[in-house]
Structures are given as C-alpha cells and as structure tokens.
C-alpha atoms as a PDB file:
ATOM      1  CA  MET A   1      98.826  62.775 129.748  1.00  0.00           C
ATOM      2  CA  ASP A   2      99.371  65.136 131.708  1.00  0.00           C
ATOM      3  CA  ALA A   3      98.655  69.179 131.114  1.00  0.00           C
ATOM      4  CA  LYS A   4      98.698  72.674 132.460  1.00  0.00           C
ATOM      5  CA  THR A   5      97.918  75.790 131.217  1.00  0.00           C
ATOM      6  CA  VAL A   6     100.463  78.879 130.850  1.00  0.00           C
ATOM      7  CA  TYR A   7      99.505  82.510 129.565  1.00  0.00           C
ATOM      8  CA  LEU A   8     101.549  84.133 126.782  1.00  0.00           C
ATOM      9  CA  SER A   9     102.500  87.741 127.739  1.00  0.00           C
ATOM     10  CA  ASN A  10      99.255  89.044 126.187  1.00  0.00           C
ATOM     11  CA  GLY A  11      97.129  86.756 128.101  1.00  0.00           C
ATOM     12  CA  LYS A  12      96.235  84.421 126.280  1.00  0.00           C
ATOM     13  CA  PRO A  13      96.270  80.495 127.400  1.00  0.00           C
ATOM     14  CA  PHE A  14      98.609  78.045 126.401  1.00  0.00           C
ATOM     15  CA  LEU A  15      98.007  74.486 127.165  1.00  0.00           C
ATOM     16  CA  VAL A  16     101.134  72.622 127.713  1.00  0.00           C
ATOM     17  CA  MET A  17     101.764  68.847 127.622  1.00  0.00           C
ATOM     18  CA  LYS A  18     104.039  66.086 128.949  1.00  0.00           C
ATOM     19  CA  ASN A  19     106.227  64.287 125.927  1.00  0.00           C
ATOM     20  CA  ASN A  20     107.376  60.805 126.322  1.00  0.00           C
ATOM     21  CA  GLU A  21     109.522  61.595 128.913  1.00  0.00           C
ATOM     22  CA  ASN A  22     107.252  63.002 131.232  1.00  0.00           C
ATOM     23  CA  GLU A  23     108.447  66.818 130.149  1.00  0.00           C
ATOM     24  CA  PHE A  24     106.548  69.310 129.539  1.00  0.00           C
ATOM     25  CA  ILE A  25     106.780  70.798 126.501  1.00  0.00           C
ATOM     26  CA  TYR A  26     106.911  74.644 126.712  1.00  0.00           C
ATOM     27  CA  PRO A  27     106.476  77.513 124.147  1.00  0.00           C
ATOM     28  CA  ASP A  28     108.659  79.326 122.985  1.00  0.00           C
ATOM     29  CA  ALA A  29     107.374  82.873 123.460  1.00  0.00           C
ATOM     30  CA  LYS A  30     107.538  84.599 126.916  1.00  0.00           C
ATOM     31  CA  TYR A  31     104.962  82.679 129.394  1.00  0.00           C
ATOM     32  CA  THR A  32     104.070  82.720 132.815  1.00  0.00           C
ATOM     33  CA  GLU A  33     102.249  80.685 134.975  1.00  0.00           C
ATOM     34  CA  ILE A  34     100.356  83.729 136.986  1.00  0.00           C
ATOM     35  CA  GLU A  35      97.175  83.558 135.330  1.00  0.00           C
ATOM     36  CA  PRO A  36      95.594  87.254 133.834  1.00  0.00           C
ATOM     37  CA  PRO A  37      93.063  88.625 136.727  1.00  0.00           C
ATOM     38  CA  LYS A  38      89.593  88.759 135.583  1.00  0.00           C
ATOM     39  CA  ASP A  39      88.660  91.753 136.091  1.00  0.00           C
ATOM     40  CA  LEU A  40      91.022  93.149 133.485  1.00  0.00           C
ATOM     41  CA  TYR A  41      89.557  93.379 130.084  1.00  0.00           C
ATOM     42  CA  PHE A  42      91.479  93.206 127.004  1.00  0.00           C
ATOM     43  CA  THR A  43      90.951  92.671 123.162  1.00  0.00           C
ATOM     44  CA  GLU A  44      93.083  93.028 120.141  1.00  0.00           C
ATOM     45  CA  GLU A  45      93.163  96.587 119.965  1.00  0.00           C
ATOM     46  CA  TYR A  46      93.442  96.566 123.813  1.00  0.00           C
ATOM     47  CA  PRO A  47      96.087  93.709 124.757  1.00  0.00           C
ATOM     48  CA  LEU A  48      96.983  92.679 128.185  1.00  0.00           C
ATOM     49  CA  ASN A  49     100.561  92.712 128.908  1.00  0.00           C
ATOM     50  CA  PHE A  50     102.493  90.873 131.276  1.00  0.00           C
ATOM     51  CA  ASN A  51     105.390  92.742 133.317  1.00  0.00           C
ATOM     52  CA  PHE A  52     108.042  89.825 133.940  1.00  0.00           C
ATOM     53  CA  GLU A  53     110.197  92.440 135.828  1.00  0.00           C
ATOM     54  CA  THR A  54     107.431  92.753 138.336  1.00  0.00           C
ATOM     55  CA  ASN A  55     105.145  89.712 137.577  1.00  0.00           C
ATOM     56  CA  GLU A  56     102.065  91.787 137.124  1.00  0.00           C
ATOM     57  CA  TRP A  57      99.279  92.158 134.876  1.00  0.00           C
ATOM     58  CA  HIS A  58      98.785  95.648 132.916  1.00  0.00           C
ATOM     59  CA  GLY A  59      95.859  96.104 131.042  1.00  0.00           C
ATOM     60  CA  LEU A  60      92.218  98.143 131.274  1.00  0.00           C
ATOM     61  CA  SER A  61      89.619  98.153 133.956  1.00  0.00           C
ATOM     62  CA  GLU A  62      85.748  97.591 132.750  1.00  0.00           C
ATOM     63  CA  LEU A  63      85.362 101.263 133.539  1.00  0.00           C
ATOM     64  CA  GLU A  64      88.528 102.217 131.732  1.00  0.00           C
ATOM     65  CA  TYR A  65      87.496  99.609 128.634  1.00  0.00           C
ATOM     66  CA  PHE A  66      84.337 101.148 128.024  1.00  0.00           C
ATOM     67  CA  ASP A  67      85.029 104.572 128.156  1.00  0.00           C
ATOM     68  CA  LEU A  68      87.389 104.271 125.878  1.00  0.00           C
ATOM     69  CA  LYS A  69      85.065 102.466 123.522  1.00  0.00           C
ATOM     70  CA  ALA A  70      82.572 105.144 124.282  1.00  0.00           C
ATOM     71  CA  ARG A  71      85.086 107.886 123.239  1.00  0.00           C
ATOM     72  CA  GLU A  72      85.793 105.903 119.893  1.00  0.00           C
ATOM     73  CA  GLU A  73      82.335 105.456 119.070  1.00  0.00           C
ATOM     74  CA  GLN A  74      81.322 109.376 119.691  1.00  0.00           C
ATOM     75  CA  PRO A  75      81.085 110.910 116.027  1.00  0.00           C
ATOM     76  CA  GLN A  76      83.420 113.613 115.097  1.00  0.00           C
ATOM     77  CA  THR A  77      82.638 116.977 114.484  1.00  0.00           C
ATOM     78  CA  PRO A  78      84.396 117.851 111.292  1.00  0.00           C
ATOM     79  CA  ASN A  79      85.710 121.572 111.783  1.00  0.00           C
ATOM     80  CA  GLU A  80      85.574 124.403 109.321  1.00  0.00           C
ATOM     81  CA  THR A  81      88.448 123.747 107.133  1.00  0.00           C
ATOM     82  CA  ASP A  82      87.898 120.187 106.760  1.00  0.00           C
ATOM     83  CA  VAL A  83      84.361 120.615 105.246  1.00  0.00           C
ATOM     84  CA  LYS A  84      85.774 123.260 102.941  1.00  0.00           C
ATOM     85  CA  VAL A  85      88.621 120.520 101.813  1.00  0.00           C
ATOM     86  CA  SER A  86      85.497 118.274 101.515  1.00  0.00           C
ATOM     87  CA  LYS A  87      83.486 120.541  99.382  1.00  0.00           C
ATOM     88  CA  LEU A  88      86.678 121.528  97.333  1.00  0.00           C
ATOM     89  CA  GLN A  89      87.266 117.732  96.456  1.00  0.00           C
ATOM     90  CA  LEU A  90      83.444 117.301  95.770  1.00  0.00           C
ATOM     91  CA  GLN A  91      83.718 120.067  93.130  1.00  0.00           C
ATOM     92  CA  LEU A  92      87.052 118.657  91.800  1.00  0.00           C
ATOM     93  CA  SER A  93      85.530 114.906  91.325  1.00  0.00           C
ATOM     94  CA  MET A  94      82.536 116.413  89.623  1.00  0.00           C
ATOM     95  CA  ALA A  95      84.527 118.985  87.536  1.00  0.00           C
ATOM     96  CA  SER A  96      86.666 115.600  86.726  1.00  0.00           C
ATOM     97  CA  ILE A  97      83.951 113.651  85.652  1.00  0.00           C
ATOM     98  CA  ALA A  98      82.536 116.384  83.437  1.00  0.00           C
ATOM     99  CA  ASN A  99      85.592 116.898  81.794  1.00  0.00           C
ATOM    100  CA  SER A 100      85.939 113.181  80.874  1.00  0.00           C
ATOM    101  CA  LYS A 101      82.527 113.114  79.517  1.00  0.00           C
ATOM    102  CA  LEU A 102      83.416 115.975  77.188  1.00  0.00           C
ATOM    103  CA  ALA A 103      86.893 114.402  76.111  1.00  0.00           C
ATOM    104  CA  SER A 104      84.610 111.084  75.549  1.00  0.00           C
ATOM    105  CA  GLU A 105      81.814 113.560  73.236  1.00  0.00           C
ATOM    106  CA  LEU A 106      84.590 114.827  71.618  1.00  0.00           C
ATOM    107  CA  GLN A 107      86.401 111.934  70.244  1.00  0.00           C
ATOM    108  CA  VAL A 108      82.787 110.870  69.093  1.00  0.00           C
ATOM    109  CA  ASN A 109      82.381 113.987  67.215  1.00  0.00           C
ATOM    110  CA  LYS A 110      85.975 114.014  65.605  1.00  0.00           C
ATOM    111  CA  GLU A 111      85.204 110.141  64.623  1.00  0.00           C
ATOM    112  CA  LYS A 112      82.041 111.919  62.974  1.00  0.00           C
ATOM    113  CA  THR A 113      83.961 114.686  61.243  1.00  0.00           C
ATOM    114  CA  ASP A 114      86.781 111.907  59.754  1.00  0.00           C
ATOM    115  CA  LYS A 115      84.157 109.760  58.372  1.00  0.00           C
ATOM    116  CA  LEU A 116      82.088 113.227  57.029  1.00  0.00           C
ATOM    117  CA  GLU A 117      85.401 114.612  55.662  1.00  0.00           C
ATOM    118  CA  GLN A 118      85.843 110.919  54.300  1.00  0.00           C
ATOM    119  CA  ASN A 119      82.817 110.738  52.518  1.00  0.00           C
ATOM    120  CA  ILE A 120      82.533 114.142  51.326  1.00  0.00           C
ATOM    121  CA  ALA A 121      86.328 113.072  49.638  1.00  0.00           C
ATOM    122  CA  ALA A 122      84.656 109.894  48.174  1.00  0.00           C
ATOM    123  CA  LEU A 123      81.771 111.989  46.753  1.00  0.00           C
ATOM    124  CA  LEU A 124      83.811 114.545  45.048  1.00  0.00           C
ATOM    125  CA  LEU A 125      86.390 111.929  43.351  1.00  0.00           C
ATOM    126  CA  LYS A 126      82.961 110.813  42.003  1.00  0.00           C
ATOM    127  CA  MET A 127      81.364 113.569  40.865  1.00  0.00           C
ATOM    128  CA  THR A 128      85.169 114.244  38.949  1.00  0.00           C
ATOM    129  CA  GLU A 129      84.656 110.737  37.575  1.00  0.00           C
ATOM    130  CA  LEU A 130      81.516 111.411  36.483  1.00  0.00           C
ATOM    131  CA  GLU A 131      82.325 115.029  34.883  1.00  0.00           C
ATOM    132  CA  LYS A 132      84.910 113.111  32.701  1.00  0.00           C
ATOM    133  CA  VAL A 133      82.551 110.600  31.617  1.00  0.00           C
ATOM    134  CA  ALA A 134      80.399 113.107  30.624  1.00  0.00           C
ATOM    135  CA  LYS A 135      82.593 115.288  28.920  1.00  0.00           C
ATOM    136  CA  VAL A 136      83.852 112.081  26.851  1.00  0.00           C
ATOM    137  CA  ASN A 137      80.847 111.193  26.032  1.00  0.00           C
ATOM    138  CA  GLU A 138      79.905 114.585  24.554  1.00  0.00           C
END
C-alpha cells in the first residue's frame, strides 16, 4: 500500500494512504505537500502557519524563538502599586482568618453560656422543690 506525507496548515505531518481503489485518502483539514523548513521553530505556544495564497511557511527562526523564551523567563519586577495591593490582600486574608477564629470562639462561648444557664435553671428548680419539701415537713 502506497503512502505519502502531507503537512497540515500548522506544520504537523499527516500520513496519507491509498484506499482499495488506489486513491489517496487526504485529511479533511487544509494541507500542503510542501514540507516546513527545518530552520523554523514551532511549539503549541508558537505554531507554524502555512499561507495557502503565497505557498509559504511562517514561523519563528531559532533566534526569534529563543529570544521570546528568554523574555518570558525573565522575572517580572512588580511596581509599587502591585506591592501595596499584595500587602493589603495579605492583611485582608489575615483579618479574615482572625475574624473566623473569633466567630468560632464566640459560638463555643455561647454554647457554654447556654449550658450554664440551663444548669442554673435546673438548680433553681431543684432548690425550689427542696424548699417546698422542707416547709411541708415543718
């Protein structure tokens, strides 16, 4: 079975095979038989592109590719506003955490207070019953 390689418009090779009628089965996507030049770099970030009007491949040269990569890898220096915003966000986060802790402690204290009030009410009720019994026994 015969085969040949065509190239999709993004530079990816596609193997074309012949069918039983001895006809090549081409991809549905646009393609060309012109191989991309070896000196063009391409990745998912920087794809190769074929111009079907001019029959030319467009992409990055080795120098352009590595220059772009070097610029991307340079650390960004934050400006004064970014630093202030970051500090404020940190303060806000810390205040939110402290607020959550306080709310949790308040809930625990409320539950303890409610329990103490129930115990006091039960004690007062018991004392009242004991006083009634003591008066009856007098």
